[in-house]
């Protein structure tokens, strides 16, 4: 699988600390190899729009779409509690 970032994702990504960025980078590797990797906990977030959600850590989630063989990263943000 391939991936691409939206400008919204890139802006949000750079607003996080280096620690969170490194965690995301690790999770992206898992996503590209196997969407079912247990630490991702990937699931459909919005079935109608085809948006998925996966975990960076306990407090941060990222959102993406699957378009053919490409993951389009839409956003990364803090998970509301």
PDB file of N, CA and C in Angstrom:
ATOM      1  N   UNK A   1       0.838  -1.186   0.000  1.00  0.00           N
ATOM      2  CA  UNK A   1       0.000   0.000   0.000  1.00  0.00           C
ATOM      3  C   UNK A   1       0.884   1.250   0.000  1.00  0.00           C
ATOM      4  N   UNK A   2       0.309   2.298  -0.578  1.00  0.00           N
ATOM      5  CA  UNK A   2       0.980   3.602  -0.601  1.00  0.00           C
ATOM      6  C   UNK A   2       0.199   4.548   0.302  1.00  0.00           C
ATOM      7  N   UNK A   3       0.757   5.739   0.498  1.00  0.00           N
ATOM      8  CA  UNK A   3       0.047   6.727   1.298  1.00  0.00           C
ATOM      9  C   UNK A   3       0.308   8.127   0.764  1.00  0.00           C
ATOM     10  N   UNK A   4      -0.616   9.017   1.077  1.00  0.00           N
ATOM     11  CA  UNK A   4      -0.427  10.435   0.777  1.00  0.00           C
ATOM     12  C   UNK A   4      -1.098  11.237   1.885  1.00  0.00           C
ATOM     13  N   UNK A   5      -0.609  12.443   2.081  1.00  0.00           N
ATOM     14  CA  UNK A   5      -1.107  13.311   3.144  1.00  0.00           C
ATOM     15  C   UNK A   5      -1.878  14.488   2.550  1.00  0.00           C
ATOM     16  N   UNK A   6      -2.999  14.825   3.169  1.00  0.00           N
ATOM     17  CA  UNK A   6      -3.682  16.054   2.803  1.00  0.00           C
ATOM     18  C   UNK A   6      -2.971  17.212   3.492  1.00  0.00           C
ATOM     19  N   UNK A   7      -3.217  18.422   3.016  1.00  0.00           N
ATOM     20  CA  UNK A   7      -2.590  19.586   3.651  1.00  0.00           C
ATOM     21  C   UNK A   7      -3.093  19.748   5.085  1.00  0.00           C
ATOM     22  N   UNK A   8      -4.345  19.402   5.336  1.00  0.00           N
ATOM     23  CA  UNK A   8      -4.895  19.469   6.694  1.00  0.00           C
ATOM     24  C   UNK A   8      -4.145  18.512   7.615  1.00  0.00           C
ATOM     25  N   UNK A   9      -3.886  17.294   7.119  1.00  0.00           N
ATOM     26  CA  UNK A   9      -3.151  16.330   7.924  1.00  0.00           C
ATOM     27  C   UNK A   9      -1.763  16.868   8.241  1.00  0.00           C
ATOM     28  N   UNK A  10      -1.070  17.350   7.235  1.00  0.00           N
ATOM     29  CA  UNK A  10       0.300  17.842   7.421  1.00  0.00           C
ATOM     30  C   UNK A  10       0.354  18.969   8.441  1.00  0.00           C
ATOM     31  N   UNK A  11      -0.582  19.887   8.356  1.00  0.00           N
ATOM     32  CA  UNK A  11      -0.626  21.005   9.310  1.00  0.00           C
ATOM     33  C   UNK A  11      -0.861  20.488  10.729  1.00  0.00           C
ATOM     34  N   UNK A  12      -1.811  19.577  10.890  1.00  0.00           N
ATOM     35  CA  UNK A  12      -2.107  19.014  12.214  1.00  0.00           C
ATOM     36  C   UNK A  12      -0.927  18.213  12.746  1.00  0.00           C
ATOM     37  N   UNK A  13      -0.313  17.420  11.887  1.00  0.00           N
ATOM     38  CA  UNK A  13       0.847  16.600  12.274  1.00  0.00           C
ATOM     39  C   UNK A  13       1.958  17.472  12.861  1.00  0.00           C
ATOM     40  N   UNK A  14       2.242  18.581  12.206  1.00  0.00           N
ATOM     41  CA  UNK A  14       3.329  19.452  12.662  1.00  0.00           C
ATOM     42  C   UNK A  14       2.979  20.220  13.936  1.00  0.00           C
ATOM     43  N   UNK A  15       1.716  20.228  14.324  1.00  0.00           N
ATOM     44  CA  UNK A  15       1.335  20.893  15.575  1.00  0.00           C
ATOM     45  C   UNK A  15       1.600  20.009  16.798  1.00  0.00           C
ATOM     46  N   UNK A  16       1.855  18.712  16.559  1.00  0.00           N
ATOM     47  CA  UNK A  16       2.119  17.782  17.662  1.00  0.00           C
ATOM     48  C   UNK A  16       3.614  17.753  17.997  1.00  0.00           C
ATOM     49  N   UNK A  17       3.912  17.292  19.196  1.00  0.00           N
ATOM     50  CA  UNK A  17       5.307  17.168  19.656  1.00  0.00           C
ATOM     51  C   UNK A  17       6.047  16.125  18.816  1.00  0.00           C
ATOM     52  N   UNK A  18       7.374  16.182  18.891  1.00  0.00           N
ATOM     53  CA  UNK A  18       8.201  15.190  18.193  1.00  0.00           C
ATOM     54  C   UNK A  18       7.873  13.779  18.655  1.00  0.00           C
ATOM     55  N   UNK A  19       7.553  13.618  19.929  1.00  0.00           N
ATOM     56  CA  UNK A  19       7.212  12.311  20.476  1.00  0.00           C
ATOM     57  C   UNK A  19       5.984  11.730  19.772  1.00  0.00           C
ATOM     58  N   UNK A  20       4.945  12.532  19.627  1.00  0.00           N
ATOM     59  CA  UNK A  20       3.726  12.065  18.951  1.00  0.00           C
ATOM     60  C   UNK A  20       4.011  11.822  17.473  1.00  0.00           C
ATOM     61  N   UNK A  21       4.809  12.679  16.861  1.00  0.00           N
ATOM     62  CA  UNK A  21       5.154  12.480  15.448  1.00  0.00           C
ATOM     63  C   UNK A  21       5.872  11.143  15.245  1.00  0.00           C
ATOM     64  N   UNK A  22       6.792  10.820  16.136  1.00  0.00           N
ATOM     65  CA  UNK A  22       7.499   9.541  16.041  1.00  0.00           C
ATOM     66  C   UNK A  22       6.545   8.363  16.238  1.00  0.00           C
ATOM     67  N   UNK A  23       5.625   8.500  17.183  1.00  0.00           N
ATOM     68  CA  UNK A  23       4.629   7.440  17.395  1.00  0.00           C
ATOM     69  C   UNK A  23       3.765   7.259  16.160  1.00  0.00           C
ATOM     70  N   UNK A  24       3.344   8.375  15.555  1.00  0.00           N
ATOM     71  CA  UNK A  24       2.544   8.272  14.339  1.00  0.00           C
ATOM     72  C   UNK A  24       3.339   7.588  13.232  1.00  0.00           C
ATOM     73  N   UNK A  25       4.589   7.986  13.054  1.00  0.00           N
ATOM     74  CA  UNK A  25       5.416   7.401  12.002  1.00  0.00           C
ATOM     75  C   UNK A  25       5.492   5.877  12.157  1.00  0.00           C
ATOM     76  N   UNK A  26       5.607   5.425  13.396  1.00  0.00           N
ATOM     77  CA  UNK A  26       5.645   3.989  13.676  1.00  0.00           C
ATOM     78  C   UNK A  26       4.301   3.345  13.301  1.00  0.00           C
ATOM     79  N   UNK A  27       3.204   3.991  13.694  1.00  0.00           N
ATOM     80  CA  UNK A  27       1.883   3.450  13.395  1.00  0.00           C
ATOM     81  C   UNK A  27       1.611   3.441  11.890  1.00  0.00           C
ATOM     82  N   UNK A  28       2.115   4.447  11.185  1.00  0.00           N
ATOM     83  CA  UNK A  28       1.949   4.478   9.730  1.00  0.00           C
ATOM     84  C   UNK A  28       2.622   3.259   9.103  1.00  0.00           C
ATOM     85  N   UNK A  29       3.774   2.907   9.606  1.00  0.00           N
ATOM     86  CA  UNK A  29       4.454   1.701   9.116  1.00  0.00           C
ATOM     87  C   UNK A  29       3.587   0.462   9.304  1.00  0.00           C
ATOM     88  N   UNK A  30       2.968   0.352  10.470  1.00  0.00           N
ATOM     89  CA  UNK A  30       2.067  -0.775  10.718  1.00  0.00           C
ATOM     90  C   UNK A  30       0.886  -0.744   9.748  1.00  0.00           C
ATOM     91  N   UNK A  31       0.317   0.439   9.551  1.00  0.00           N
ATOM     92  CA  UNK A  31      -0.830   0.573   8.661  1.00  0.00           C
ATOM     93  C   UNK A  31      -0.476   0.125   7.242  1.00  0.00           C
ATOM     94  N   UNK A  32       0.669   0.557   6.759  1.00  0.00           N
ATOM     95  CA  UNK A  32       1.062   0.221   5.393  1.00  0.00           C
ATOM     96  C   UNK A  32       1.309  -1.271   5.211  1.00  0.00           C
ATOM     97  N   UNK A  33       1.677  -1.952   6.292  1.00  0.00           N
ATOM     98  CA  UNK A  33       1.927  -3.394   6.220  1.00  0.00           C
ATOM     99  C   UNK A  33       0.706  -4.241   6.527  1.00  0.00           C
ATOM    100  N   UNK A  34      -0.131  -3.787   7.468  1.00  0.00           N
ATOM    101  CA  UNK A  34      -1.286  -4.594   7.869  1.00  0.00           C
ATOM    102  C   UNK A  34      -2.273  -3.736   8.662  1.00  0.00           C
ATOM    103  N   UNK A  35      -3.375  -3.371   8.039  1.00  0.00           N
ATOM    104  CA  UNK A  35      -4.380  -2.525   8.686  1.00  0.00           C
ATOM    105  C   UNK A  35      -4.935  -3.183   9.949  1.00  0.00           C
ATOM    106  N   UNK A  36      -4.783  -4.493  10.063  1.00  0.00           N
ATOM    107  CA  UNK A  36      -5.309  -5.215  11.237  1.00  0.00           C
ATOM    108  C   UNK A  36      -4.317  -5.295  12.396  1.00  0.00           C
ATOM    109  N   UNK A  37      -3.197  -4.596  12.296  1.00  0.00           N
ATOM    110  CA  UNK A  37      -2.214  -4.634  13.386  1.00  0.00           C
ATOM    111  C   UNK A  37      -2.918  -4.230  14.681  1.00  0.00           C
ATOM    112  N   UNK A  38      -2.744  -4.993  15.757  1.00  0.00           N
ATOM    113  CA  UNK A  38      -3.499  -4.752  16.998  1.00  0.00           C
ATOM    114  C   UNK A  38      -3.326  -3.358  17.599  1.00  0.00           C
ATOM    115  N   UNK A  39      -2.158  -2.764  17.497  1.00  0.00           N
ATOM    116  CA  UNK A  39      -1.968  -1.460  18.137  1.00  0.00           C
ATOM    117  C   UNK A  39      -2.696  -0.338  17.399  1.00  0.00           C
ATOM    118  N   UNK A  40      -3.061  -0.561  16.150  1.00  0.00           N
ATOM    119  CA  UNK A  40      -3.794   0.465  15.399  1.00  0.00           C
ATOM    120  C   UNK A  40      -5.253   0.583  15.843  1.00  0.00           C
ATOM    121  N   UNK A  41      -5.843  -0.563  16.133  1.00  0.00           N
ATOM    122  CA  UNK A  41      -7.277  -0.619  16.437  1.00  0.00           C
ATOM    123  C   UNK A  41      -8.082   0.127  15.373  1.00  0.00           C
ATOM    124  N   UNK A  42      -7.714  -0.086  14.119  1.00  0.00           N
ATOM    125  CA  UNK A  42      -8.362   0.594  12.996  1.00  0.00           C
ATOM    126  C   UNK A  42      -9.819   0.159  12.876  1.00  0.00           C
ATOM    127  N   UNK A  43     -10.680   1.134  12.624  1.00  0.00           N
ATOM    128  CA  UNK A  43     -12.102   0.850  12.447  1.00  0.00           C
ATOM    129  C   UNK A  43     -12.723   1.937  11.588  1.00  0.00           C
ATOM    130  N   UNK A  44     -13.864   1.592  11.001  1.00  0.00           N
ATOM    131  CA  UNK A  44     -14.598   2.586  10.222  1.00  0.00           C
ATOM    132  C   UNK A  44     -15.106   3.656  11.174  1.00  0.00           C
ATOM    133  N   UNK A  45     -14.823   4.888  10.855  1.00  0.00           N
ATOM    134  CA  UNK A  45     -15.264   6.026  11.663  1.00  0.00           C
ATOM    135  C   UNK A  45     -16.561   6.585  11.099  1.00  0.00           C
ATOM    136  N   UNK A  46     -16.642   6.696   9.771  1.00  0.00           N
ATOM    137  CA  UNK A  46     -17.837   7.191   9.104  1.00  0.00           C
ATOM    138  C   UNK A  46     -18.063   6.315   7.879  1.00  0.00           C
ATOM    139  N   UNK A  47     -18.932   5.346   8.022  1.00  0.00           N
ATOM    140  CA  UNK A  47     -19.180   4.357   6.970  1.00  0.00           C
ATOM    141  C   UNK A  47     -19.630   5.017   5.671  1.00  0.00           C
ATOM    142  N   UNK A  48     -20.522   5.968   5.751  1.00  0.00           N
ATOM    143  CA  UNK A  48     -21.070   6.612   4.557  1.00  0.00           C
ATOM    144  C   UNK A  48     -19.992   7.342   3.759  1.00  0.00           C
ATOM    145  N   UNK A  49     -19.066   7.999   4.455  1.00  0.00           N
ATOM    146  CA  UNK A  49     -18.022   8.761   3.774  1.00  0.00           C
ATOM    147  C   UNK A  49     -16.747   7.945   3.554  1.00  0.00           C
ATOM    148  N   UNK A  50     -16.703   6.728   4.087  1.00  0.00           N
ATOM    149  CA  UNK A  50     -15.535   5.869   3.902  1.00  0.00           C
ATOM    150  C   UNK A  50     -14.321   6.293   4.699  1.00  0.00           C
ATOM    151  N   UNK A  51     -14.542   6.948   5.834  1.00  0.00           N
ATOM    152  CA  UNK A  51     -13.439   7.425   6.669  1.00  0.00           C
ATOM    153  C   UNK A  51     -13.146   6.400   7.761  1.00  0.00           C
ATOM    154  N   UNK A  52     -11.872   6.111   7.930  1.00  0.00           N
ATOM    155  CA  UNK A  52     -11.395   5.194   8.955  1.00  0.00           C
ATOM    156  C   UNK A  52     -10.672   5.972  10.044  1.00  0.00           C
ATOM    157  N   UNK A  53     -10.603   5.359  11.225  1.00  0.00           N
ATOM    158  CA  UNK A  53      -9.879   5.927  12.366  1.00  0.00           C
ATOM    159  C   UNK A  53      -8.906   4.883  12.879  1.00  0.00           C
ATOM    160  N   UNK A  54      -7.718   5.325  13.299  1.00  0.00           N
ATOM    161  CA  UNK A  54      -6.752   4.426  13.932  1.00  0.00           C
ATOM    162  C   UNK A  54      -6.047   5.177  15.051  1.00  0.00           C
ATOM    163  N   UNK A  55      -5.419   4.421  15.901  1.00  0.00           N
ATOM    164  CA  UNK A  55      -4.816   4.947  17.123  1.00  0.00           C
ATOM    165  C   UNK A  55      -3.330   5.237  16.945  1.00  0.00           C
ATOM    166  N   UNK A  56      -2.915   6.412  17.419  1.00  0.00           N
ATOM    167  CA  UNK A  56      -1.495   6.713  17.562  1.00  0.00           C
ATOM    168  C   UNK A  56      -1.065   6.285  18.955  1.00  0.00           C
ATOM    169  N   UNK A  57      -1.820   6.717  19.950  1.00  0.00           N
ATOM    170  CA  UNK A  57      -1.639   6.289  21.332  1.00  0.00           C
ATOM    171  C   UNK A  57      -2.974   6.464  22.045  1.00  0.00           C
ATOM    172  N   UNK A  58      -2.950   6.397  23.346  1.00  0.00           N
ATOM    173  CA  UNK A  58      -4.178   6.481  24.139  1.00  0.00           C
ATOM    174  C   UNK A  58      -4.965   7.772  23.872  1.00  0.00           C
ATOM    175  N   UNK A  59      -4.264   8.849  23.537  1.00  0.00           N
ATOM    176  CA  UNK A  59      -4.907  10.159  23.428  1.00  0.00           C
ATOM    177  C   UNK A  59      -4.993  10.744  22.024  1.00  0.00           C
ATOM    178  N   UNK A  60      -4.391  10.111  21.040  1.00  0.00           N
ATOM    179  CA  UNK A  60      -4.327  10.697  19.698  1.00  0.00           C
ATOM    180  C   UNK A  60      -4.813   9.680  18.663  1.00  0.00           C
ATOM    181  N   UNK A  61      -5.636  10.162  17.719  1.00  0.00           N
ATOM    182  CA  UNK A  61      -6.159   9.333  16.632  1.00  0.00           C
ATOM    183  C   UNK A  61      -5.839   9.977  15.293  1.00  0.00           C
ATOM    184  N   UNK A  62      -5.746   9.138  14.273  1.00  0.00           N
ATOM    185  CA  UNK A  62      -5.624   9.681  12.923  1.00  0.00           C
ATOM    186  C   UNK A  62      -6.723   9.089  12.051  1.00  0.00           C
ATOM    187  N   UNK A  63      -7.061   9.850  11.021  1.00  0.00           N
ATOM    188  CA  UNK A  63      -8.192   9.530  10.168  1.00  0.00           C
ATOM    189  C   UNK A  63      -7.715   9.420   8.725  1.00  0.00           C
ATOM    190  N   UNK A  64      -8.269   8.437   8.005  1.00  0.00           N
ATOM    191  CA  UNK A  64      -7.806   8.192   6.640  1.00  0.00           C
ATOM    192  C   UNK A  64      -8.908   7.570   5.796  1.00  0.00           C
ATOM    193  N   UNK A  65      -8.700   7.632   4.491  1.00  0.00           N
ATOM    194  CA  UNK A  65      -9.554   6.966   3.524  1.00  0.00           C
ATOM    195  C   UNK A  65      -8.706   5.953   2.770  1.00  0.00           C
ATOM    196  N   UNK A  66      -9.375   4.943   2.249  1.00  0.00           N
ATOM    197  CA  UNK A  66      -8.699   3.953   1.414  1.00  0.00           C
ATOM    198  C   UNK A  66      -9.208   4.142  -0.009  1.00  0.00           C
ATOM    199  N   UNK A  67      -8.286   4.493  -0.902  1.00  0.00           N
ATOM    200  CA  UNK A  67      -8.615   4.706  -2.306  1.00  0.00           C
ATOM    201  C   UNK A  67      -7.736   3.784  -3.142  1.00  0.00           C
ATOM    202  N   UNK A  68      -8.283   2.654  -3.544  1.00  0.00           N
ATOM    203  CA  UNK A  68      -7.498   1.669  -4.293  1.00  0.00           C
ATOM    204  C   UNK A  68      -6.367   1.141  -3.438  1.00  0.00           C
ATOM    205  N   UNK A  69      -5.122   1.377  -3.872  1.00  0.00           N
ATOM    206  CA  UNK A  69      -3.963   0.895  -3.113  1.00  0.00           C
ATOM    207  C   UNK A  69      -3.280   2.020  -2.342  1.00  0.00           C
ATOM    208  N   UNK A  70      -4.056   3.095  -2.038  1.00  0.00           N
ATOM    209  CA  UNK A  70      -3.481   4.257  -1.361  1.00  0.00           C
ATOM    210  C   UNK A  70      -4.299   4.642  -0.137  1.00  0.00           C
ATOM    211  N   UNK A  71      -3.608   4.870   0.963  1.00  0.00           N
ATOM    212  CA  UNK A  71      -4.234   5.457   2.150  1.00  0.00           C
ATOM    213  C   UNK A  71      -4.067   6.972   2.045  1.00  0.00           C
ATOM    214  N   UNK A  72      -5.167   7.694   2.114  1.00  0.00           N
ATOM    215  CA  UNK A  72      -5.117   9.157   2.130  1.00  0.00           C
ATOM    216  C   UNK A  72      -5.316   9.605   3.562  1.00  0.00           C
ATOM    217  N   UNK A  73      -4.276  10.146   4.180  1.00  0.00           N
ATOM    218  CA  UNK A  73      -4.317  10.592   5.563  1.00  0.00           C
ATOM    219  C   UNK A  73      -5.009  11.945   5.621  1.00  0.00           C
ATOM    220  N   UNK A  74      -6.129  12.011   6.340  1.00  0.00           N
ATOM    221  CA  UNK A  74      -6.980  13.196   6.366  1.00  0.00           C
ATOM    222  C   UNK A  74      -6.685  14.133   7.517  1.00  0.00           C
ATOM    223  N   UNK A  75      -6.479  13.574   8.706  1.00  0.00           N
ATOM    224  CA  UNK A  75      -6.295  14.408   9.893  1.00  0.00           C
ATOM    225  C   UNK A  75      -5.697  13.574  11.014  1.00  0.00           C
ATOM    226  N   UNK A  76      -5.101  14.255  11.965  1.00  0.00           N
ATOM    227  CA  UNK A  76      -4.608  13.656  13.203  1.00  0.00           C
ATOM    228  C   UNK A  76      -4.984  14.621  14.302  1.00  0.00           C
ATOM    229  N   UNK A  77      -5.592  14.103  15.367  1.00  0.00           N
ATOM    230  CA  UNK A  77      -6.029  14.998  16.439  1.00  0.00           C
ATOM    231  C   UNK A  77      -6.158  14.260  17.765  1.00  0.00           C
ATOM    232  N   UNK A  78      -6.272  15.054  18.819  1.00  0.00           N
ATOM    233  CA  UNK A  78      -6.485  14.484  20.149  1.00  0.00           C
ATOM    234  C   UNK A  78      -7.844  13.810  20.206  1.00  0.00           C
ATOM    235  N   UNK A  79      -7.881  12.700  20.908  1.00  0.00           N
ATOM    236  CA  UNK A  79      -9.113  11.942  21.055  1.00  0.00           C
ATOM    237  C   UNK A  79      -9.908  12.536  22.228  1.00  0.00           C
ATOM    238  N   UNK A  80     -11.150  12.929  21.984  1.00  0.00           N
ATOM    239  CA  UNK A  80     -11.946  13.485  23.095  1.00  0.00           C
ATOM    240  C   UNK A  80     -12.249  12.397  24.127  1.00  0.00           C
ATOM    241  N   UNK A  81     -12.242  12.809  25.360  1.00  0.00           N
ATOM    242  CA  UNK A  81     -12.499  11.847  26.443  1.00  0.00           C
ATOM    243  C   UNK A  81     -13.860  12.041  27.008  1.00  0.00           C
TER     244      UNK A  81
END
